[in-house]
Amino acid sequence: MNRSNPYFEQVQLLVRILPVIATEECFALKGGTAINLFYRDMPRLSVDIDLVYTPIKAREDSLREITDGMSRMGRLISERIPRAKVHYIRLGRTDAVVKLVVRLDRSVVKIELSPVLRGTVYPSSLRRICPSAEAAFGFAEVPVVSFEDLFAGKIVAALDRQHPRDLFDVKLLLENEGITARLKEAFLVYLISHDRRFLEVLNPTLIDIRETFVVDFERMTVDPVDVADLERTRLTLIDSIATMLTPQDKAFVVAFKEGDPDWNHFGPEHIRDLPAIKWKRYNLGLMDTPKRNAMIQSLKHFFAIRLTGGPEDKATGTR
């Protein structure tokens, strides 16, 4: 890895921080850093640390443990990297610490997690940093979420925010492992956990990613990639998701929206207890009946069109 790369020092700081993450048993690494520094051999750089709080506990207990863990990590970072400045970001007007911002000279690394997306579909495991990253930045070993949790979250992110980083990670997934049955199961869990409408994820309005590509992605990858590659990946992903969902999968998604899902659709028995799913169901229950029925009908209409191979609704233009 070339030290002249503008992201080099940022990744160097990130890897110095990673051993601190391993000191807290309640957290596991997810996101781009987990993919590119632990599951792959650094095809691109990643500059943020995304965590998940893995236990499934009551919200107040979880926020207390998250705050304690984040605070301990912040103090340990200050001890191990004395010149670093650690800023603690709290959740709204609460005292819960859900994000750390670490600054060292010109480098900034964010450590954050979602207070809602707690728990995982499959167990996490301890993983060693990939050979290329270890050679360039040093050794690290941390708990990382499962392959399925990792890429299920990445697929939802790629369909939602359509950032070049996410699309690049999905591009390598489609070119290598593909979407397995276990990954599809995890994807369904992350889909129904997401705070956006299901159709906004399954059939997104295409965003113009050219400016974001230049500003936030260029020079991050080892091998060249252009915007057209990522735009093709986006369309392939949308079609792949539509193709892989069985009638039973679609029926489950509709039933979830209606408020009566069959949890036997999933292998793991704890899915119904995941906090994000319980929160989603709670909010669906607050929705007025006409609006909810309209959303259900739109979802059924979309699935019927896709099932019969008809035209798409929205995944045709850009915004």
Protein backbone atom coordinates (compact mmCIF):
# COMPACT_ATOMS: atom_id res chain seq x y z
CA MET A 1 0.00 0.00 0.00
CA ASN A 2 1.46 3.35 -1.11
CA ARG A 3 2.05 5.75 1.78
CA SER A 4 1.25 8.64 -0.55
CA ASN A 5 -2.35 7.47 -0.73
CA PRO A 6 -4.50 10.15 0.96
CA TYR A 7 -6.24 7.49 3.06
CA PHE A 8 -3.08 5.72 4.27
CA GLU A 9 -2.65 7.54 7.59
CA GLN A 10 -6.37 7.23 8.30
CA VAL A 11 -6.29 3.45 7.87
CA GLN A 12 -3.09 3.32 9.91
CA LEU A 13 -4.90 5.00 12.80
CA LEU A 14 -7.89 2.69 12.35
CA VAL A 15 -5.71 -0.42 12.68
CA ARG A 16 -4.08 1.00 15.81
CA ILE A 17 -7.56 1.35 17.29
CA LEU A 18 -8.82 -2.13 16.36
CA PRO A 19 -7.18 -4.00 19.29
CA VAL A 20 -9.14 -1.74 21.63
CA ILE A 21 -12.38 -3.03 20.09
CA ALA A 22 -11.34 -6.57 21.01
CA THR A 23 -11.28 -5.67 24.71
CA GLU A 24 -15.09 -5.32 24.78
CA GLU A 25 -16.91 -8.65 24.45
CA CYS A 26 -20.30 -7.08 23.72
CA PHE A 27 -19.22 -5.56 20.39
CA ALA A 28 -18.43 -7.06 16.98
CA LEU A 29 -17.07 -5.39 13.88
CA LYS A 30 -19.26 -5.01 10.79
CA GLY A 31 -19.38 -2.84 7.67
CA GLY A 32 -16.69 -1.96 5.15
CA THR A 33 -13.75 -2.42 7.51
CA ALA A 34 -14.91 -5.94 8.41
CA ILE A 35 -15.31 -6.82 4.73
CA ASN A 36 -12.13 -5.34 3.32
CA LEU A 37 -9.68 -5.86 6.17
CA PHE A 38 -10.93 -9.18 7.55
CA TYR A 39 -13.03 -11.13 5.02
CA ARG A 40 -11.19 -9.95 1.91
CA ASP A 41 -7.51 -9.17 1.34
CA MET A 42 -7.92 -5.39 1.28
CA PRO A 43 -9.31 -4.76 -2.25
CA ARG A 44 -10.16 -1.28 -1.00
CA LEU A 45 -9.37 0.87 2.00
CA SER A 46 -11.90 1.52 4.75
CA VAL A 47 -11.68 4.39 7.20
CA ASP A 48 -14.51 3.92 9.72
CA ILE A 49 -15.24 1.36 12.43
CA ASP A 50 -18.86 0.17 12.47
CA LEU A 51 -19.87 -1.96 15.43
CA VAL A 52 -22.88 -3.96 16.51
CA TYR A 53 -23.89 -4.58 20.10
CA THR A 54 -24.41 -8.34 19.99
CA PRO A 55 -26.48 -9.22 23.12
CA ILE A 56 -30.27 -9.09 22.93
CA LYS A 57 -31.36 -7.24 26.05
CA ALA A 58 -33.83 -4.56 27.11
CA ARG A 59 -33.14 -1.13 25.61
CA GLU A 60 -32.09 0.59 28.85
CA ASP A 61 -29.78 -2.26 29.83
CA SER A 62 -28.31 -2.26 26.33
CA LEU A 63 -27.71 1.50 26.25
CA ARG A 64 -26.04 1.32 29.66
CA GLU A 65 -23.68 -1.46 28.51
CA ILE A 66 -23.03 0.32 25.20
CA THR A 67 -22.16 3.54 27.02
CA ASP A 68 -19.88 1.76 29.47
CA GLY A 69 -18.13 -0.10 26.66
CA MET A 70 -17.70 2.94 24.43
CA SER A 71 -16.42 5.00 27.36
CA ARG A 72 -13.87 2.36 28.32
CA MET A 73 -12.70 2.15 24.71
CA GLY A 74 -12.34 5.92 24.53
CA ARG A 75 -10.20 5.99 27.65
CA LEU A 76 -8.06 3.08 26.42
CA ILE A 77 -7.49 4.77 23.06
CA SER A 78 -6.29 7.89 24.89
CA GLU A 79 -3.90 5.76 26.96
CA ARG A 80 -2.49 3.81 24.01
CA ILE A 81 -2.36 6.74 21.56
CA PRO A 82 -1.56 9.71 23.84
CA ARG A 83 -1.66 12.37 21.11
CA ALA A 84 -5.09 11.28 19.90
CA LYS A 85 -8.14 13.36 20.77
CA VAL A 86 -11.28 11.33 21.53
CA HIS A 87 -14.70 12.95 21.28
CA TYR A 88 -17.75 11.22 22.77
CA ILE A 89 -21.02 11.59 20.85
CA ARG A 90 -24.25 10.94 22.72
CA LEU A 91 -27.63 9.71 21.53
CA GLY A 92 -29.87 12.75 21.19
CA ARG A 93 -30.44 14.34 24.58
CA THR A 94 -29.59 11.18 26.50
CA ASP A 95 -26.38 10.26 28.28
CA ALA A 96 -25.89 7.18 26.09
CA VAL A 97 -22.58 7.24 24.18
CA VAL A 98 -23.04 5.69 20.74
CA LYS A 99 -20.14 7.17 18.78
CA LEU A 100 -16.48 8.06 19.23
CA VAL A 101 -14.54 10.38 16.94
CA VAL A 102 -10.78 9.87 17.17
CA ARG A 103 -8.46 12.53 15.75
CA LEU A 104 -4.70 12.21 15.35
CA ASP A 105 -2.96 14.94 13.37
CA ARG A 106 -4.83 15.02 10.01
CA SER A 107 -6.51 11.64 10.45
CA VAL A 108 -10.04 11.06 11.73
CA VAL A 109 -11.62 7.68 12.52
CA LYS A 110 -15.24 7.29 13.61
CA ILE A 111 -16.36 4.41 15.83
CA GLU A 112 -20.12 4.06 15.92
CA LEU A 113 -23.06 1.72 16.26
CA SER A 114 -26.81 1.79 15.90
CA PRO A 115 -28.73 1.79 19.20
CA VAL A 116 -31.62 0.06 17.39
CA LEU A 117 -29.83 -2.57 15.26
CA ARG A 118 -28.69 -4.71 18.17
CA GLY A 119 -28.03 -8.44 17.97
CA THR A 120 -27.20 -10.54 14.91
CA VAL A 121 -28.79 -13.30 12.84
CA TYR A 122 -25.83 -15.69 13.17
CA PRO A 123 -23.00 -15.85 15.74
CA SER A 124 -19.94 -13.63 15.39
CA SER A 125 -16.38 -14.99 15.44
CA LEU A 126 -12.84 -13.85 16.17
CA ARG A 127 -10.96 -13.05 12.95
CA ARG A 128 -7.41 -12.01 12.13
CA ILE A 129 -6.71 -9.02 9.92
CA CYS A 130 -6.01 -9.94 6.28
CA PRO A 131 -2.39 -10.47 5.12
CA SER A 132 -2.15 -7.31 2.99
CA ALA A 133 -3.46 -5.10 5.78
CA GLU A 134 -1.22 -6.76 8.35
CA ALA A 135 1.83 -6.22 6.15
CA ALA A 136 0.97 -2.55 5.62
CA PHE A 137 -0.47 -1.55 8.99
CA GLY A 138 0.16 -4.25 11.59
CA PHE A 139 -1.56 -7.13 13.36
CA ALA A 140 -5.10 -7.04 14.72
CA GLU A 141 -7.63 -9.66 15.79
CA VAL A 142 -11.21 -8.72 16.64
CA PRO A 143 -14.70 -10.23 16.87
CA VAL A 144 -16.43 -9.86 13.49
CA VAL A 145 -20.05 -10.53 12.56
CA SER A 146 -20.83 -13.53 10.37
CA PHE A 147 -20.36 -13.39 6.60
CA GLU A 148 -24.15 -13.46 6.22
CA ASP A 149 -24.84 -10.65 8.69
CA LEU A 150 -22.04 -8.61 7.17
CA PHE A 151 -23.19 -8.81 3.58
CA ALA A 152 -26.92 -8.74 4.35
CA GLY A 153 -26.37 -5.37 5.98
CA LYS A 154 -24.16 -4.31 3.10
CA ILE A 155 -26.79 -5.25 0.49
CA VAL A 156 -29.47 -3.23 2.29
CA ALA A 157 -27.07 -0.28 2.56
CA ALA A 158 -26.17 -0.54 -1.13
CA LEU A 159 -29.83 -0.52 -2.15
CA ASP A 160 -30.68 2.29 0.25
CA ARG A 161 -27.89 4.90 0.12
CA GLN A 162 -26.25 3.60 -3.09
CA HIS A 163 -22.79 4.81 -2.06
CA PRO A 164 -19.92 3.71 -4.34
CA ARG A 165 -18.19 2.01 -1.39
CA ASP A 166 -21.23 -0.20 -0.76
CA LEU A 167 -21.70 -0.95 -4.45
CA PHE A 168 -18.03 -1.91 -4.77
CA ASP A 169 -18.31 -4.36 -1.87
CA VAL A 170 -21.46 -5.86 -3.41
CA LYS A 171 -19.72 -6.08 -6.79
CA LEU A 172 -17.07 -8.39 -5.31
CA LEU A 173 -19.76 -10.40 -3.51
CA LEU A 174 -21.66 -11.04 -6.75
CA GLU A 175 -18.42 -11.91 -8.56
CA ASN A 176 -17.30 -14.36 -5.87
CA GLU A 177 -19.61 -16.00 -3.31
CA GLY A 178 -22.92 -14.78 -4.70
CA ILE A 179 -26.09 -14.63 -2.62
CA THR A 180 -26.39 -17.96 -0.80
CA ALA A 181 -29.50 -19.31 0.94
CA ARG A 182 -28.15 -18.29 4.36
CA LEU A 183 -27.30 -14.83 3.07
CA LYS A 184 -30.80 -14.48 1.63
CA GLU A 185 -32.26 -15.41 5.02
CA ALA A 186 -30.13 -12.78 6.72
CA PHE A 187 -31.06 -10.24 4.04
CA LEU A 188 -34.76 -10.73 4.78
CA VAL A 189 -34.06 -10.06 8.46
CA TYR A 190 -32.16 -6.87 7.68
CA LEU A 191 -34.82 -5.81 5.19
CA ILE A 192 -37.64 -5.99 7.73
CA SER A 193 -35.38 -4.37 10.35
CA HIS A 194 -34.64 -1.36 8.15
CA ASP A 195 -36.19 2.00 8.91
CA ARG A 196 -37.13 2.69 5.29
CA ARG A 197 -40.19 1.38 3.44
CA PHE A 198 -39.56 -2.06 1.96
CA LEU A 199 -40.22 -0.84 -1.59
CA GLU A 200 -37.65 1.94 -1.21
CA VAL A 201 -35.07 -0.79 -0.66
CA LEU A 202 -36.35 -3.46 -3.06
CA ASN A 203 -37.11 -1.04 -5.89
CA PRO A 204 -35.03 2.08 -5.26
CA THR A 205 -34.99 5.27 -7.26
CA LEU A 206 -31.52 5.34 -8.80
CA ILE A 207 -29.22 8.05 -7.49
CA ASP A 208 -26.58 9.80 -9.59
CA ILE A 209 -23.38 8.55 -7.91
CA ARG A 210 -20.80 10.30 -10.11
CA GLU A 211 -19.96 13.17 -7.76
CA THR A 212 -19.83 10.91 -4.70
CA PHE A 213 -17.54 8.57 -6.62
CA VAL A 214 -15.02 11.37 -7.24
CA VAL A 215 -15.22 12.98 -3.80
CA ASP A 216 -15.55 9.97 -1.48
CA PHE A 217 -14.34 6.88 -3.33
CA GLU A 218 -11.67 7.47 -5.97
CA ARG A 219 -8.24 6.09 -5.00
CA MET A 220 -9.72 3.79 -2.35
CA THR A 221 -9.40 0.62 -4.42
CA VAL A 222 -6.31 -1.40 -5.28
CA ASP A 223 -7.54 -2.23 -8.79
CA PRO A 224 -9.19 0.39 -11.01
CA VAL A 225 -12.97 0.62 -11.01
CA ASP A 226 -15.16 3.18 -12.73
CA VAL A 227 -18.65 4.56 -12.20
CA ALA A 228 -20.11 2.44 -15.00
CA ASP A 229 -18.94 -0.73 -13.22
CA LEU A 230 -20.76 0.28 -10.06
CA GLU A 231 -23.89 1.36 -11.91
CA ARG A 232 -24.03 -2.06 -13.56
CA THR A 233 -23.57 -3.69 -10.16
CA ARG A 234 -26.50 -1.70 -8.80
CA LEU A 235 -28.84 -2.92 -11.55
CA THR A 236 -27.58 -6.48 -11.21
CA LEU A 237 -28.19 -6.39 -7.46
CA ILE A 238 -31.75 -5.10 -7.85
CA ASP A 239 -32.51 -7.86 -10.36
CA SER A 240 -30.77 -10.51 -8.25
CA ILE A 241 -32.83 -9.68 -5.18
CA ALA A 242 -36.06 -9.78 -7.18
CA THR A 243 -35.11 -13.13 -8.72
CA MET A 244 -33.98 -14.84 -5.53
CA LEU A 245 -37.09 -14.06 -3.46
CA THR A 246 -39.43 -17.04 -3.54
CA PRO A 247 -43.23 -16.78 -3.28
CA GLN A 248 -42.82 -17.88 0.35
CA ASP A 249 -40.31 -15.08 1.00
CA LYS A 250 -42.65 -12.52 -0.53
CA ALA A 251 -45.60 -13.86 1.44
CA PHE A 252 -43.58 -13.49 4.64
CA VAL A 253 -42.65 -9.87 3.87
CA VAL A 254 -46.29 -9.01 3.14
CA ALA A 255 -47.46 -10.83 6.29
CA PHE A 256 -44.90 -8.90 8.34
CA LYS A 257 -46.33 -5.67 6.98
CA GLU A 258 -49.83 -6.91 7.80
CA GLY A 259 -48.75 -7.71 11.36
CA ASP A 260 -49.02 -11.50 11.27
CA PRO A 261 -45.69 -13.00 10.11
CA ASP A 262 -44.88 -16.70 10.37
CA TRP A 263 -41.59 -16.74 12.26
CA ASN A 264 -41.02 -20.37 11.27
CA HIS A 265 -39.88 -18.93 7.95
CA PHE A 266 -36.47 -18.45 9.59
CA GLY A 267 -34.10 -21.07 10.95
CA PRO A 268 -32.80 -19.09 13.96
CA GLU A 269 -35.48 -18.88 16.64
CA HIS A 270 -34.49 -15.49 18.05
CA ILE A 271 -35.30 -13.39 14.98
CA ARG A 272 -38.63 -12.15 16.34
CA ASP A 273 -36.80 -10.90 19.45
CA LEU A 274 -34.30 -8.69 17.64
CA PRO A 275 -34.83 -5.11 18.89
CA ALA A 276 -34.96 -3.55 15.42
CA ILE A 277 -37.71 -5.94 14.35
CA LYS A 278 -39.72 -5.31 17.51
CA TRP A 279 -39.32 -1.56 16.96
CA LYS A 280 -40.43 -1.87 13.33
CA ARG A 281 -43.51 -3.85 14.35
CA TYR A 282 -44.31 -1.27 17.02
CA ASN A 283 -44.17 1.57 14.49
CA LEU A 284 -46.27 -0.37 11.99
CA GLY A 285 -48.87 -0.74 14.72
CA LEU A 286 -48.98 3.04 15.16
CA MET A 287 -49.63 3.64 11.46
CA ASP A 288 -53.19 4.58 10.52
CA THR A 289 -55.07 1.77 8.78
CA PRO A 290 -55.66 3.40 5.35
CA LYS A 291 -51.98 4.33 4.97
CA ARG A 292 -50.83 0.90 6.08
CA ASN A 293 -53.26 -0.85 3.72
CA ALA A 294 -52.06 1.31 0.84
CA MET A 295 -48.45 0.33 1.55
CA ILE A 296 -49.43 -3.35 1.72
CA GLN A 297 -51.23 -3.13 -1.62
CA SER A 298 -48.23 -1.40 -3.22
CA LEU A 299 -45.98 -4.18 -1.94
CA LYS A 300 -48.30 -6.89 -3.24
CA HIS A 301 -48.50 -5.13 -6.60
CA PHE A 302 -44.72 -4.91 -6.85
CA PHE A 303 -44.25 -8.56 -5.96
CA ALA A 304 -46.93 -9.63 -8.45
CA ILE A 305 -45.25 -7.68 -11.25
CA ARG A 306 -41.85 -9.10 -10.40
CA LEU A 307 -43.23 -12.62 -10.08
CA THR A 308 -44.76 -12.49 -13.56
CA GLY A 309 -41.77 -10.76 -15.14
CA GLY A 310 -43.57 -7.49 -15.81
CA PRO A 311 -42.11 -3.98 -15.97
CA GLU A 312 -40.29 -2.35 -13.09
CA ASP A 313 -41.73 0.62 -11.24
CA LYS A 314 -38.89 2.90 -10.23
CA ALA A 315 -35.48 1.37 -10.84
CA THR A 316 -35.20 3.06 -14.21
CA GLY A 317 -34.28 6.69 -13.62
CA THR A 318 -31.87 8.74 -11.54
CA ARG A 319 -32.32 11.50 -9.06
